[in-house]
Amino acid sequence: MDLTKAVTVACVLHEGWRSGGIWISNFLAFFKVVVLLFIIGLGFAVRGGAFPNMSRDVGNFNPQTTFANPATKPYGLVMALLSVRFSYGGFENAHYVLSDVKKPKAYLKISFMASLVLISFLYIFTNIVYLFVVPHDDAMASGTRMAALFFDKIFGENTTATRVFPALCALSAFGNLIAVTLVAAKVKQEIAKEGVLPFSKFWSRQYKFSFSRNAGRTERPGIHVAPVLQRGEAPIPALFLH
């Protein structure tokens, strides 16, 4: 039910204030980068001895024990590769909104390389600093709670920092939801343009809601062909379908 409400909010946001939805998505993306940089800095601060109550070495980087008891079943390797692949997923979403991008050929190459370098740096160093703080046995038993355990080890349980952390995760998830909602609606709109869906002409339409005098709908003649999406216009029927 909560997920349905969140998706509804994201759809209504893009329908009524498309530029605002994109602005919020970009802001939350920047916010996530700042949070990851904060986590990386915090981990290196622990390693450097800034927290006297904590051990500077929990034994995760000892060459004699790091590779002890390696997994022998292929299932573990496959799941690890899928997890890594999933963490880098989403880069392909840029292809679905290229009609909104100025000079997509030029900017796509630059943005892909820059984002890949940035995300690789953030993800790799975030995992390294987790291992600075969380012992191996705790890390193996944590499942998907590695970040929460990281904060618990540094600040203690039931502290302000550990209570704020779930809110950070919620904002991160909502930012992803806002971006994916627009992308999913764009995909449905393109499918409608091909005449695959019933009432394709309706689902492929786009509108612009604005307080300015230029608000209105732009449409190109044709039975199954929708107009090229202009900046500021939203695929409202496709968002409703989503």
Protein backbone atom coordinates (compact mmCIF):
# COMPACT_ATOMS: atom_id res chain seq x y z
CA MET A 1 0.00 0.00 0.00
CA ASP A 2 2.84 2.41 0.87
CA LEU A 3 4.54 1.62 -2.43
CA THR A 4 1.31 2.30 -4.31
CA LYS A 5 1.01 5.67 -2.58
CA ALA A 6 4.61 6.55 -3.42
CA VAL A 7 4.14 5.62 -7.09
CA THR A 8 0.93 7.67 -7.19
CA VAL A 9 2.72 10.69 -5.74
CA ALA A 10 5.51 10.34 -8.31
CA CYS A 11 3.00 10.08 -11.19
CA VAL A 12 0.98 13.08 -9.99
CA LEU A 13 4.20 15.06 -9.57
CA HIS A 14 5.26 14.43 -13.17
CA GLU A 15 1.74 15.07 -14.46
CA GLY A 16 1.24 18.40 -12.73
CA TRP A 17 4.79 19.74 -12.50
CA ARG A 18 7.06 17.89 -14.89
CA SER A 19 10.03 20.24 -14.60
CA GLY A 20 9.67 20.09 -10.83
CA GLY A 21 9.70 16.30 -10.92
CA ILE A 22 12.94 16.33 -12.90
CA TRP A 23 14.42 18.95 -10.57
CA ILE A 24 13.53 16.89 -7.47
CA SER A 25 14.96 13.76 -9.09
CA ASN A 26 18.24 15.56 -9.86
CA PHE A 27 18.39 17.03 -6.37
CA LEU A 28 17.89 13.63 -4.71
CA ALA A 29 20.54 12.12 -7.00
CA PHE A 30 22.98 14.81 -5.86
CA PHE A 31 21.87 14.18 -2.27
CA LYS A 32 22.66 10.46 -2.61
CA VAL A 33 26.15 11.25 -3.90
CA VAL A 34 26.74 13.53 -0.90
CA VAL A 35 25.56 10.81 1.50
CA LEU A 36 27.91 8.25 -0.05
CA LEU A 37 30.82 10.70 0.13
CA PHE A 38 29.95 11.27 3.80
CA ILE A 39 30.00 7.50 4.45
CA ILE A 40 33.36 7.18 2.69
CA GLY A 41 34.83 10.06 4.71
CA LEU A 42 33.42 8.58 7.92
CA GLY A 43 35.01 5.22 7.21
CA PHE A 44 38.42 6.72 6.52
CA ALA A 45 38.07 8.80 9.69
CA VAL A 46 37.58 5.58 11.68
CA ARG A 47 40.58 4.04 9.95
CA GLY A 48 42.65 7.12 10.78
CA GLY A 49 41.82 6.95 14.48
CA ALA A 50 39.36 9.84 14.72
CA PHE A 51 37.11 7.64 16.90
CA PRO A 52 39.24 6.54 19.84
CA ASN A 53 36.61 4.11 21.20
CA MET A 54 36.74 2.04 17.98
CA SER A 55 39.35 -0.35 16.73
CA ARG A 56 41.22 0.94 13.71
CA ASP A 57 41.59 -2.58 12.31
CA VAL A 58 38.85 -5.21 12.53
CA GLY A 59 40.95 -7.76 10.65
CA ASN A 60 39.20 -7.67 7.29
CA PHE A 61 42.35 -6.76 5.37
CA ASN A 62 44.69 -9.33 6.85
CA PRO A 63 46.18 -11.26 3.88
CA GLN A 64 46.34 -14.45 5.95
CA THR A 65 42.62 -14.50 6.73
CA THR A 66 40.99 -12.49 3.95
CA PHE A 67 40.72 -15.42 1.56
CA ALA A 68 40.28 -18.14 4.17
CA ASN A 69 37.41 -20.57 3.59
CA PRO A 70 36.54 -19.42 0.06
CA ALA A 71 33.18 -20.39 -1.40
CA THR A 72 33.39 -23.44 -3.66
CA LYS A 73 29.84 -23.54 -5.03
CA PRO A 74 29.09 -21.60 -8.24
CA TYR A 75 25.80 -20.36 -6.75
CA GLY A 76 27.62 -17.87 -4.51
CA LEU A 77 29.68 -16.50 -7.41
CA VAL A 78 26.61 -16.12 -9.62
CA MET A 79 24.65 -14.33 -6.90
CA ALA A 80 27.60 -12.01 -6.24
CA LEU A 81 27.83 -11.12 -9.93
CA LEU A 82 24.07 -10.50 -10.10
CA SER A 83 24.27 -8.24 -7.05
CA VAL A 84 27.06 -6.22 -8.62
CA ARG A 85 25.15 -6.03 -11.91
CA PHE A 86 22.03 -4.87 -10.10
CA SER A 87 23.88 -2.13 -8.22
CA TYR A 88 25.06 -0.63 -11.52
CA GLY A 89 21.67 -1.06 -13.19
CA GLY A 90 19.71 1.94 -14.40
CA PHE A 91 22.25 3.47 -16.76
CA GLU A 92 20.18 2.27 -19.72
CA ASN A 93 17.24 4.44 -18.62
CA ALA A 94 18.88 7.46 -20.24
CA HIS A 95 18.07 6.01 -23.67
CA TYR A 96 14.35 6.30 -23.02
CA VAL A 97 14.38 10.05 -22.44
CA LEU A 98 16.79 11.16 -25.16
CA SER A 99 13.99 13.11 -26.85
CA ASP A 100 14.23 15.54 -23.91
CA VAL A 101 18.00 15.99 -24.19
CA LYS A 102 19.73 18.70 -26.21
CA LYS A 103 22.40 17.23 -28.50
CA PRO A 104 21.88 13.68 -27.19
CA LYS A 105 24.75 12.22 -29.22
CA ALA A 106 27.31 14.52 -27.64
CA TYR A 107 25.97 14.57 -24.09
CA LEU A 108 25.22 10.84 -23.87
CA LYS A 109 28.85 9.86 -24.38
CA ILE A 110 30.08 12.36 -21.79
CA SER A 111 27.42 11.57 -19.21
CA PHE A 112 27.85 7.80 -19.56
CA MET A 113 31.59 7.90 -18.99
CA ALA A 114 31.38 10.47 -16.18
CA SER A 115 28.60 8.62 -14.36
CA LEU A 116 30.36 5.26 -14.73
CA VAL A 117 33.57 6.64 -13.23
CA LEU A 118 31.71 8.39 -10.41
CA ILE A 119 29.53 5.41 -9.50
CA SER A 120 32.46 3.00 -9.66
CA PHE A 121 34.44 5.21 -7.28
CA LEU A 122 31.52 5.64 -4.87
CA TYR A 123 30.46 1.99 -4.78
CA ILE A 124 33.95 0.51 -4.49
CA PHE A 125 35.09 2.87 -1.75
CA THR A 126 31.79 2.58 0.11
CA ASN A 127 32.28 -1.19 0.33
CA ILE A 128 35.89 -0.71 1.40
CA VAL A 129 34.94 1.60 4.28
CA TYR A 130 32.22 -0.82 5.37
CA LEU A 131 34.97 -3.38 5.85
CA PHE A 132 37.03 -0.83 7.80
CA VAL A 133 34.32 -0.82 10.47
CA VAL A 134 32.26 -4.01 10.34
CA PRO A 135 33.96 -7.32 11.29
CA HIS A 136 33.80 -10.15 8.79
CA ASP A 137 31.40 -12.36 10.75
CA ASP A 138 28.99 -9.47 11.36
CA ALA A 139 29.17 -8.48 7.71
CA MET A 140 28.34 -12.01 6.55
CA ALA A 141 25.35 -12.15 8.90
CA SER A 142 24.08 -8.65 8.11
CA GLY A 143 22.42 -9.50 4.79
CA THR A 144 21.18 -6.23 3.33
CA ARG A 145 21.75 -4.30 6.59
CA MET A 146 25.42 -3.56 5.97
CA ALA A 147 25.00 0.23 5.94
CA ALA A 148 22.80 0.18 9.06
CA LEU A 149 25.37 -1.98 10.83
CA PHE A 150 28.08 0.45 9.76
CA PHE A 151 26.26 3.31 11.50
CA ASP A 152 25.49 1.16 14.55
CA LYS A 153 29.17 0.30 15.01
CA ILE A 154 30.27 3.94 14.82
CA PHE A 155 27.50 5.80 16.64
CA GLY A 156 25.91 3.02 18.68
CA GLU A 157 22.39 1.64 18.49
CA ASN A 158 19.31 3.82 19.01
CA THR A 159 21.21 7.07 18.52
CA THR A 160 20.13 10.07 16.46
CA ALA A 161 22.42 9.06 13.60
CA THR A 162 21.02 5.54 13.40
CA ARG A 163 17.47 6.87 13.50
CA VAL A 164 18.19 9.35 10.69
CA PHE A 165 19.68 6.64 8.49
CA PRO A 166 16.32 5.00 7.53
CA ALA A 167 15.08 8.44 6.42
CA LEU A 168 18.11 8.78 4.15
CA CYS A 169 17.33 5.36 2.64
CA ALA A 170 13.69 6.39 2.11
CA LEU A 171 14.71 9.60 0.31
CA SER A 172 17.14 7.65 -1.84
CA ALA A 173 14.45 5.13 -2.78
CA PHE A 174 11.94 7.89 -3.54
CA GLY A 175 14.42 9.64 -5.82
CA ASN A 176 14.89 6.41 -7.76
CA LEU A 177 11.11 5.97 -7.92
CA ILE A 178 10.60 9.44 -9.39
CA ALA A 179 13.17 8.79 -12.13
CA VAL A 180 11.94 5.30 -12.98
CA THR A 181 8.29 6.42 -13.06
CA LEU A 182 8.96 8.92 -15.85
CA VAL A 183 11.08 6.40 -17.75
CA ALA A 184 8.40 3.69 -17.49
CA ALA A 185 5.74 6.10 -18.73
CA LYS A 186 7.94 7.08 -21.67
CA VAL A 187 8.33 3.40 -22.62
CA LYS A 188 4.55 2.92 -22.53
CA GLN A 189 4.09 6.04 -24.64
CA GLU A 190 6.50 4.74 -27.29
CA ILE A 191 4.71 1.38 -27.34
CA ALA A 192 1.43 3.23 -27.86
CA LYS A 193 2.96 5.17 -30.77
CA GLU A 194 3.53 1.84 -32.52
CA GLY A 195 -0.17 1.07 -32.26
CA VAL A 196 0.35 -1.96 -30.04
CA LEU A 197 -1.96 -0.82 -27.22
CA PRO A 198 -5.71 -0.35 -27.56
CA PHE A 199 -6.63 3.34 -27.92
CA SER A 200 -3.02 4.02 -28.91
CA LYS A 201 -3.69 7.59 -29.96
CA PHE A 202 -4.89 8.45 -26.46
CA TRP A 203 -2.05 6.74 -24.58
CA SER A 204 0.58 8.37 -26.81
CA ARG A 205 -0.61 11.90 -26.15
CA GLN A 206 1.24 14.43 -24.08
CA TYR A 207 0.15 17.55 -22.28
CA LYS A 208 1.69 20.55 -20.65
CA PHE A 209 0.22 21.84 -17.41
CA SER A 210 1.54 25.26 -16.55
CA PHE A 211 0.46 28.50 -14.95
CA SER A 212 1.68 30.36 -18.01
CA ARG A 213 -0.50 31.46 -20.92
CA ASN A 214 1.21 28.97 -23.22
CA ALA A 215 -0.15 25.93 -21.42
CA GLY A 216 -1.89 23.45 -23.63
CA ARG A 217 -1.57 20.33 -25.69
CA THR A 218 0.47 19.92 -28.82
CA GLU A 219 -0.46 17.21 -31.27
CA ARG A 220 0.63 16.21 -34.74
CA PRO A 221 -1.90 14.75 -37.21
CA GLY A 222 -1.95 10.99 -37.50
CA ILE A 223 -3.85 8.03 -36.18
CA HIS A 224 -1.16 6.28 -34.20
CA VAL A 225 1.59 8.90 -34.25
CA ALA A 226 2.02 11.18 -31.25
CA PRO A 227 3.86 14.51 -31.37
CA VAL A 228 7.51 14.72 -30.56
CA LEU A 229 7.76 15.40 -26.84
CA GLN A 230 8.62 19.00 -26.16
CA ARG A 231 10.37 20.16 -23.03
CA GLY A 232 7.84 20.78 -20.32
CA GLU A 233 5.29 18.34 -21.75
CA ALA A 234 4.46 15.15 -19.87
CA PRO A 235 3.05 11.83 -21.13
CA ILE A 236 0.09 12.14 -18.74
CA PRO A 237 -2.03 9.27 -20.18
CA ALA A 238 1.00 6.96 -20.04
CA LEU A 239 1.67 8.04 -16.46
CA PHE A 240 -1.93 7.23 -15.61
CA LEU A 241 -1.50 3.83 -17.28
CA HIS A 242 1.63 3.26 -15.22
